[in-house]
Structures are given as C-alpha cells and as structure tokens.
Amino acid sequence: MPLLEQNIGGLWVAKQSAKGTAASTPIKRLNWTAGSLEANRADGSEPAMATERFGKQIDYVDSLSGAGDPQVPALPPDLAYLLYLFFGAETVTGAADPYVHQFTPQAAGGFWATFWKSVGGSVVKRQRFADCRISQLTIEGSTGSKVVKVTPTIVCLDPAEEINADPIVAFSPGNPFLYTEGEGTFTIDGQVFRGQSQFSVTWNENLTPIYGDSVTAYDVATGQPDITVGVTIYLDAAGLQRYNAQVYGTPTPTAGAKPSKFLPALGSYGFTLAQKDASGPLTPAREFGLSLPGVKWSPDLAVPANPQGGATEISLAGSVRKSGVSALSTVTVTNGDAAYA
C-alpha cells in the first residue's frame, strides 16, 4: 500500500457564530507552507504503594486540546481574513473593489473559528478543529524570504474530529505580498531605511485553555498581551546613526560621549506594501500597511566584528507602547473582499 503523501493537503478556515457552534462551510482555503494543527492529549499518573519493588502507577487522561501554528503566504484576502479573526472587528471602506479593511486591537478579543485540515492523496487524514481562537499572530518578510508570511498560533477546544471529505472551496485569487513591494517605505522613527533586510511583527494575547469538569477545556483565558517588532538593518551610514541614537541618545555623538542614562522618546515603525505589475501598481489596488506609532526600542545593540569581512547588520527589537490617542497598532489591507461581517 502507498504511504500517506505528506506534501499533499489543504487547510481551510471560517468564523463561527459562537463558541460551541462549529462552522459548517469554510470561507477561505489557505495556502499552507509550514507548521501544522494537531490534537494534544496529556496523560497523568498517580503512584501507589504496592508489595512489589517498583510500585504501582494509576494512569489517567489529564487533558485534551488542539494547538498549532500553520504558516501561510500573505495573500491579500487571506491576510485580511486572519486579521479579522484575530482582532475581532474591522472597519471597511469602499463601495466596490478595492475595499480597504482596517484592523486595530479590540477589547473583546478575537472570534471563534473552525479549521479543516487534510493531509495525503491516496492515503488521507482529514480532520475538523472547532472552537479555535488565534492566540498569536506573526507577520514577517525579508530579503532572504521575499514572500511575506503570516503565522497564526491556534488554541483549539474541540480538536481533530474525523471528516469524510475535503471541503470544496477555491484558493483566494491573486498573489501573496512580497517583501520588496515595500521598497522605499520601511520607516523607523520617521526615517526611511533602504538597508532594512527583515521585519517581523507579533501580536500575542497569550491565551490559555481553562479546564473545568472535563478533560477538554471549556474556555480560554487571556494572559499578558503584548505587541513586539523585530527589524534588521545594515550598518551603513544611516544604520550607524540609528545605533548611535539608540545607545548615545543622538545620531552624531562627539568624542567623549558615553551611553545615555535616560530613556529616549518613543519611536515608531511602519511600511506599506503595494502589489505591482509591469505597468505599475495593481488596479484595483492590493496593499498591506502597518503603523506602530509608539515603539520602545531595546537598548541591547552590538556592533559585531568579523575578520572574514562581509555585510554588517544590527537587529532592533521593540515593544509597542501607547502613544497619545493613537491605536497601539493599525493594519490595513486592500483587497477585493467586501466586509467579512
């Protein structure tokens, strides 16, 4: 018999109307490039006295849940839908394609969702994961991996139910956003950095399954939420000024200057990726924009030395902070989908 073909499969998702009510039909079929979604059972044991030398163990099922972090390319419709599920709301403008979807953090949290997973062709494992929440969402791109990826970290209360057939839903149209489509827009503290080689932004609610009278969890609790950003830039003239500003408090320290003993003002980070063709920007527009108006950059920077030479990079790590009346983060995606609600 043939073996299960692990390079054949599918991943689908839909918003649920409520916890405990699995969606019947997927809304999106996601391109799936890495990671997975699995059932996790934890067993426990209790030692007991016995007349034998190595004693006795009483075994039991302790917990059963689902979890995973499937990675998918950031196609404009798929990225927007995952952002909608995670943030729990959207503001949509436009009466026809292109529609602009805007997402900001909501106090009520994200939506419950159902995921469907299929792996194999001639030997197939098909499963449905209901009552899922996205606990963490990461979006990243780089010069080395130009296809921008989005990775939802999923917590599931009702995992891995067997299903008989794959859902029939087509892939979203178009192509994923590319890192290079943000050319000339990657901005740190108001300054454009052409020498940026990587970005990663993570929104994390730290959701934890909560167990009551069953081995399956009945709800999730929110932990300490945070938004973090990581950026890598080359240490050219602009990069050196960035290092100086972060360490010395000024981009042009003079001889005798010492590292600053005081916190600098909050910084910022943002960009806009705009899909293009041979004629220029796509029509209708397909764009992905990020704005983090308040970023506390970590002072932990180093200028590396390497006797073999080569390009020098520094990695900036930041945590998002409240800045005035602005939202902690604002994400916009322009695509052909009307409001998901």
Protein backbone atom coordinates (compact mmCIF):
# COMPACT_ATOMS: atom_id res chain seq x y z
CA MET A 1 0.00 0.00 0.00
CA PRO A 2 1.20 3.57 -0.62
CA LEU A 3 2.27 5.77 2.25
CA LEU A 4 0.43 8.93 3.20
CA GLU A 5 1.71 11.73 0.97
CA GLN A 6 2.61 14.48 3.41
CA ASN A 7 3.18 17.05 0.65
CA ILE A 8 -0.49 16.88 -0.43
CA GLY A 9 -3.10 18.59 1.70
CA GLY A 10 -5.30 21.52 2.49
CA LEU A 11 -6.17 23.98 5.24
CA TRP A 12 -9.49 25.81 5.44
CA VAL A 13 -11.00 28.27 7.94
CA ALA A 14 -14.27 30.02 8.79
CA LYS A 15 -15.56 32.24 11.57
CA GLN A 16 -18.04 30.62 13.95
CA SER A 17 -21.28 32.29 15.01
CA ALA A 18 -20.44 31.42 18.64
CA LYS A 19 -18.34 29.14 20.80
CA GLY A 20 -19.77 25.63 20.71
CA THR A 21 -21.21 26.07 17.20
CA ALA A 22 -18.79 24.77 14.59
CA ALA A 23 -18.92 26.46 11.19
CA SER A 24 -20.45 24.25 8.51
CA THR A 25 -18.61 25.64 5.48
CA PRO A 26 -15.15 27.22 5.14
CA ILE A 27 -14.78 30.82 3.98
CA LYS A 28 -11.12 30.62 2.94
CA ARG A 29 -8.84 27.89 1.68
CA LEU A 30 -5.38 28.93 2.80
CA ASN A 31 -2.13 28.23 1.01
CA TRP A 32 -0.17 26.17 3.54
CA THR A 33 3.64 26.22 3.58
CA ALA A 34 4.79 25.13 7.06
CA GLY A 35 3.66 24.24 10.57
CA SER A 36 0.56 22.24 11.40
CA LEU A 37 -2.50 21.89 13.62
CA GLU A 38 -2.75 18.82 15.87
CA ALA A 39 -4.63 17.27 18.77
CA ASN A 40 -2.63 17.16 22.01
CA ARG A 41 -3.52 14.65 24.72
CA ALA A 42 -1.67 14.71 28.03
CA ASP A 43 -1.82 11.68 30.33
CA GLY A 44 -1.18 11.75 34.06
CA SER A 45 -0.29 9.12 36.63
CA GLU A 46 -0.58 8.67 40.38
CA PRO A 47 1.92 6.49 42.29
CA ALA A 48 0.53 4.00 44.76
CA MET A 49 2.03 1.66 47.35
CA ALA A 50 2.47 -1.99 46.38
CA THR A 51 4.21 -5.10 47.66
CA GLU A 52 6.41 -5.15 44.55
CA ARG A 53 9.77 -3.41 44.38
CA PHE A 54 8.88 -0.86 41.68
CA GLY A 55 5.46 0.03 42.98
CA LYS A 56 2.30 0.80 41.06
CA GLN A 57 1.09 3.64 38.82
CA ILE A 58 -2.52 4.63 38.26
CA ASP A 59 -2.86 6.19 34.81
CA TYR A 60 -5.49 8.62 33.52
CA VAL A 61 -6.15 11.16 30.75
CA ASP A 62 -5.30 14.61 32.07
CA SER A 63 -6.21 16.95 29.20
CA LEU A 64 -7.13 17.03 25.51
CA SER A 65 -6.86 20.11 23.33
CA GLY A 66 -5.66 21.24 19.94
CA ALA A 67 -2.84 23.57 19.02
CA GLY A 68 -0.64 24.54 16.13
CA ASP A 69 0.99 27.28 14.11
CA PRO A 70 0.38 26.74 10.37
CA GLN A 71 2.24 29.24 8.22
CA VAL A 72 0.56 30.69 5.13
CA PRO A 73 1.61 33.22 2.46
CA ALA A 74 0.01 36.63 2.93
CA LEU A 75 -2.40 36.82 0.00
CA PRO A 76 -4.50 40.00 0.37
CA PRO A 77 -7.80 38.14 1.07
CA ASP A 78 -6.23 35.52 3.37
CA LEU A 79 -4.19 38.03 5.37
CA ALA A 80 -7.22 40.25 5.89
CA TYR A 81 -9.44 37.34 7.00
CA LEU A 82 -6.90 36.08 9.54
CA LEU A 83 -6.51 39.63 10.88
CA TYR A 84 -10.31 39.84 11.15
CA LEU A 85 -10.48 36.60 13.14
CA PHE A 86 -7.64 37.68 15.45
CA PHE A 87 -8.63 41.30 16.10
CA GLY A 88 -12.36 40.60 16.30
CA ALA A 89 -13.53 43.57 14.23
CA GLU A 90 -12.80 45.59 11.14
CA THR A 91 -13.63 48.91 9.55
CA VAL A 92 -14.24 48.65 5.81
CA THR A 93 -14.35 51.50 3.32
CA GLY A 94 -15.18 51.32 -0.36
CA ALA A 95 -18.40 50.53 -2.20
CA ALA A 96 -16.69 48.21 -4.68
CA ASP A 97 -13.31 46.60 -5.34
CA PRO A 98 -10.90 47.74 -3.96
CA TYR A 99 -12.13 47.52 -0.36
CA VAL A 100 -9.90 48.83 2.44
CA HIS A 101 -10.03 46.72 5.63
CA GLN A 102 -8.61 48.39 8.75
CA PHE A 103 -7.81 46.49 11.94
CA THR A 104 -6.99 47.80 15.42
CA PRO A 105 -6.87 45.94 18.78
CA GLN A 106 -10.33 45.32 20.26
CA ALA A 107 -11.03 44.91 23.98
CA ALA A 108 -13.39 41.98 23.37
CA GLY A 109 -10.73 39.86 21.67
CA GLY A 110 -10.96 37.75 18.54
CA PHE A 111 -13.59 35.45 17.06
CA TRP A 112 -14.07 31.72 17.49
CA ALA A 113 -13.26 29.83 14.32
CA THR A 114 -13.31 26.38 12.73
CA PHE A 115 -10.34 24.96 10.83
CA TRP A 116 -10.35 21.98 8.49
CA LYS A 117 -7.15 20.06 7.74
CA SER A 118 -6.38 17.39 5.15
CA VAL A 119 -3.07 15.60 4.58
CA GLY A 120 -2.45 12.95 1.91
CA GLY A 121 -3.68 11.91 -1.53
CA SER A 122 -4.23 8.16 -1.81
CA VAL A 123 -3.92 7.71 1.97
CA VAL A 124 -5.63 10.67 3.62
CA LYS A 125 -6.17 12.01 7.13
CA ARG A 126 -8.98 14.58 7.30
CA GLN A 127 -9.89 16.44 10.50
CA ARG A 128 -12.02 19.33 11.70
CA PHE A 129 -10.90 21.59 14.57
CA ALA A 130 -13.76 23.57 16.14
CA ASP A 131 -13.88 26.24 18.85
CA CYS A 132 -10.48 27.65 17.87
CA ARG A 133 -9.01 31.01 18.81
CA ILE A 134 -5.91 32.65 17.37
CA SER A 135 -3.72 33.34 20.39
CA GLN A 136 -0.85 34.94 18.49
CA LEU A 137 -0.36 36.34 15.00
CA THR A 138 3.04 36.91 13.38
CA ILE A 139 3.68 38.61 10.05
CA GLU A 140 7.19 38.58 8.61
CA GLY A 141 9.21 39.14 5.47
CA SER A 142 12.84 39.55 4.47
CA THR A 143 15.27 39.82 1.59
CA GLY A 144 16.02 36.11 2.06
CA SER A 145 12.34 35.07 2.11
CA LYS A 146 10.54 37.57 -0.08
CA VAL A 147 7.08 36.04 0.16
CA VAL A 148 5.52 37.67 3.23
CA LYS A 149 4.21 35.01 5.63
CA VAL A 150 1.52 35.12 8.30
CA THR A 151 1.56 32.57 11.12
CA PRO A 152 -1.46 32.19 13.42
CA THR A 153 -0.81 30.35 16.67
CA ILE A 154 -4.04 28.48 17.36
CA VAL A 155 -5.64 27.16 20.55
CA CYS A 156 -8.49 24.68 19.98
CA LEU A 157 -11.07 23.38 22.47
CA ASP A 158 -12.67 20.77 20.17
CA PRO A 159 -9.86 19.23 18.10
CA ALA A 160 -9.37 16.64 15.38
CA GLU A 161 -12.88 15.38 14.61
CA GLU A 162 -12.77 12.94 11.71
CA ILE A 163 -14.45 14.10 8.47
CA ASN A 164 -15.18 12.17 5.30
CA ALA A 165 -14.28 14.60 2.53
CA ASP A 166 -12.28 17.74 1.83
CA PRO A 167 -14.28 20.97 1.78
CA ILE A 168 -14.88 22.37 -1.70
CA VAL A 169 -13.58 25.94 -1.55
CA ALA A 170 -11.24 27.53 -4.08
CA PHE A 171 -7.99 29.27 -3.23
CA SER A 172 -8.10 33.05 -2.99
CA PRO A 173 -7.22 34.82 -6.24
CA GLY A 174 -4.00 36.73 -6.80
CA ASN A 175 -0.52 36.51 -5.36
CA PRO A 176 0.92 37.00 -1.86
CA PHE A 177 2.56 40.24 -0.83
CA LEU A 178 6.31 40.38 -1.40
CA TYR A 179 8.85 41.98 0.90
CA THR A 180 10.25 44.08 -1.96
CA GLU A 181 6.83 45.62 -2.62
CA GLY A 182 7.55 47.83 0.40
CA GLU A 183 10.55 49.43 -1.35
CA GLY A 184 11.21 52.92 -0.02
CA THR A 185 8.50 52.77 2.69
CA PHE A 186 10.10 50.91 5.63
CA THR A 187 10.25 53.67 8.22
CA ILE A 188 11.87 53.66 11.67
CA ASP A 189 11.21 56.70 13.89
CA GLY A 190 10.10 58.69 10.86
CA GLN A 191 13.19 57.88 8.75
CA VAL A 192 13.10 55.62 5.70
CA PHE A 193 15.72 52.86 5.81
CA ARG A 194 16.57 51.39 2.42
CA GLY A 195 19.01 49.00 4.10
CA GLN A 196 16.37 47.06 6.03
CA SER A 197 16.71 43.32 5.39
CA GLN A 198 13.99 41.84 7.62
CA PHE A 199 10.88 42.63 9.65
CA SER A 200 8.70 40.61 12.00
CA VAL A 201 5.66 41.84 13.92
CA THR A 202 3.87 39.73 16.54
CA TRP A 203 0.59 40.35 18.36
CA ASN A 204 0.27 37.95 21.29
CA GLU A 205 -2.71 37.52 23.64
CA ASN A 206 -1.14 34.52 25.44
CA LEU A 207 -4.39 32.56 25.52
CA THR A 208 -4.51 29.57 27.90
CA PRO A 209 -7.08 26.75 27.85
CA ILE A 210 -9.16 26.60 31.05
CA TYR A 211 -10.39 23.21 32.30
CA GLY A 212 -13.45 22.52 34.41
CA ASP A 213 -15.20 19.17 34.80
CA SER A 214 -13.89 17.60 31.59
CA VAL A 215 -10.54 16.65 30.10
CA THR A 216 -11.36 19.08 27.28
CA ALA A 217 -11.12 22.79 28.05
CA TYR A 218 -14.34 24.79 28.20
CA ASP A 219 -12.87 28.24 27.53
CA VAL A 220 -9.65 30.24 27.21
CA ALA A 221 -8.16 32.92 29.46
CA THR A 222 -6.17 35.90 28.23
CA GLY A 223 -2.67 36.25 29.63
CA GLN A 224 -0.36 39.26 29.44
CA PRO A 225 -0.83 40.61 25.90
CA ASP A 226 1.92 42.38 24.00
CA ILE A 227 2.93 43.57 20.55
CA THR A 228 6.57 43.21 19.53
CA VAL A 229 8.52 44.14 16.44
CA GLY A 230 11.90 42.98 15.17
CA VAL A 231 13.82 44.74 12.40
CA THR A 232 17.24 44.05 10.90
CA ILE A 233 19.17 46.82 9.15
CA TYR A 234 22.58 47.04 7.57
CA LEU A 235 25.16 49.11 9.40
CA ASP A 236 25.71 51.71 6.69
CA ALA A 237 25.86 55.45 7.46
CA ALA A 238 22.14 55.56 8.25
CA GLY A 239 22.38 52.36 10.27
CA LEU A 240 25.26 53.74 12.32
CA GLN A 241 23.24 56.86 13.08
CA ARG A 242 20.39 54.57 14.19
CA TYR A 243 22.79 52.71 16.52
CA ASN A 244 24.14 55.99 17.92
CA ALA A 245 20.67 57.40 18.53
CA GLN A 246 19.63 54.30 20.41
CA VAL A 247 22.78 53.93 22.50
CA TYR A 248 24.01 57.52 22.94
CA GLY A 249 20.73 59.42 22.55
CA THR A 250 21.99 61.31 19.49
CA PRO A 251 22.74 60.17 15.91
CA THR A 252 26.03 62.10 15.93
CA PRO A 253 27.84 61.65 19.26
CA THR A 254 31.07 63.61 19.70
CA ALA A 255 34.34 62.39 21.21
CA GLY A 256 33.89 61.66 24.90
CA ALA A 257 30.21 60.80 24.58
CA LYS A 258 29.00 57.95 26.79
CA PRO A 259 25.89 55.77 26.54
CA SER A 260 22.74 57.56 27.62
CA LYS A 261 21.46 57.01 31.16
CA PHE A 262 17.94 58.11 30.25
CA LEU A 263 15.06 56.68 28.28
CA PRO A 264 14.66 58.25 24.84
CA ALA A 265 11.28 59.30 23.45
CA LEU A 266 9.15 56.54 21.99
CA GLY A 267 9.97 55.61 18.43
CA SER A 268 7.73 54.26 15.66
CA TYR A 269 7.67 51.76 12.83
CA GLY A 270 5.62 51.29 9.68
CA PHE A 271 5.52 50.41 6.00
CA THR A 272 3.21 49.93 3.02
CA LEU A 273 3.46 47.02 0.60
CA ALA A 274 1.77 47.68 -2.74
CA GLN A 275 1.46 44.92 -5.33
CA LYS A 276 2.60 45.82 -8.84
CA ASP A 277 2.68 44.51 -12.37
CA ALA A 278 4.59 45.60 -15.47
CA SER A 279 2.52 48.78 -15.68
CA GLY A 280 2.99 49.82 -12.05
CA PRO A 281 0.70 49.49 -9.03
CA LEU A 282 -2.07 46.93 -9.49
CA THR A 283 -5.54 48.14 -10.42
CA PRO A 284 -7.69 47.51 -8.40
CA ALA A 285 -5.17 48.16 -5.64
CA ARG A 286 -3.80 45.42 -3.42
CA GLU A 287 -1.95 46.88 -0.44
CA PHE A 288 -0.82 45.98 3.09
CA GLY A 289 0.05 48.76 5.52
CA LEU A 290 1.30 48.70 9.12
CA SER A 291 1.56 51.55 11.59
CA LEU A 292 3.07 51.22 15.08
CA PRO A 293 3.10 54.83 16.36
CA GLY A 294 4.69 54.05 19.74
CA VAL A 295 7.67 51.70 19.97
CA LYS A 296 10.10 51.33 22.86
CA TRP A 297 13.28 50.09 21.21
CA SER A 298 15.54 47.85 23.26
CA PRO A 299 18.96 49.36 24.12
CA ASP A 300 20.57 45.94 23.62
CA LEU A 301 22.59 46.53 20.44
CA ALA A 302 26.02 45.35 19.38
CA VAL A 303 28.38 46.17 16.52
CA PRO A 304 29.86 42.79 15.55
CA ALA A 305 33.40 42.23 14.29
CA ASN A 306 34.31 39.55 11.77
CA PRO A 307 37.85 39.02 10.40
CA GLN A 308 36.33 37.46 7.28
CA GLY A 309 34.50 40.68 6.42
CA GLY A 310 31.08 40.87 4.81
CA ALA A 311 27.98 42.95 5.42
CA THR A 312 27.34 44.09 8.98
CA GLU A 313 23.80 44.07 10.35
CA ILE A 314 22.21 45.10 13.62
CA SER A 315 18.92 43.78 14.96
CA LEU A 316 16.43 46.17 16.51
CA ALA A 317 13.85 44.76 18.94
CA GLY A 318 10.92 46.82 20.11
CA SER A 319 7.80 46.60 22.26
CA VAL A 320 4.73 48.63 21.34
CA ARG A 321 3.57 51.27 23.79
CA LYS A 322 0.57 53.61 23.84
CA SER A 323 1.29 56.89 22.06
CA GLY A 324 -1.25 59.64 22.65
CA VAL A 325 -4.72 58.84 21.33
CA SER A 326 -3.46 56.63 18.51
CA ALA A 327 -4.28 52.92 18.44
CA LEU A 328 -1.43 50.68 19.58
CA SER A 329 -1.29 49.28 16.05
CA THR A 330 -3.18 49.83 12.84
CA VAL A 331 -3.14 47.33 9.99
CA THR A 332 -4.79 47.98 6.63
CA VAL A 333 -5.30 45.50 3.82
CA THR A 334 -6.76 46.49 0.46
CA ASN A 335 -8.35 43.61 -1.46
CA GLY A 336 -11.41 42.56 -3.43
CA ASP A 337 -13.41 41.26 -0.43
CA ALA A 338 -16.33 43.20 1.00
CA ALA A 339 -16.78 43.35 4.77
CA TYR A 340 -16.41 39.91 6.37
CA ALA A 341 -19.14 40.59 8.91
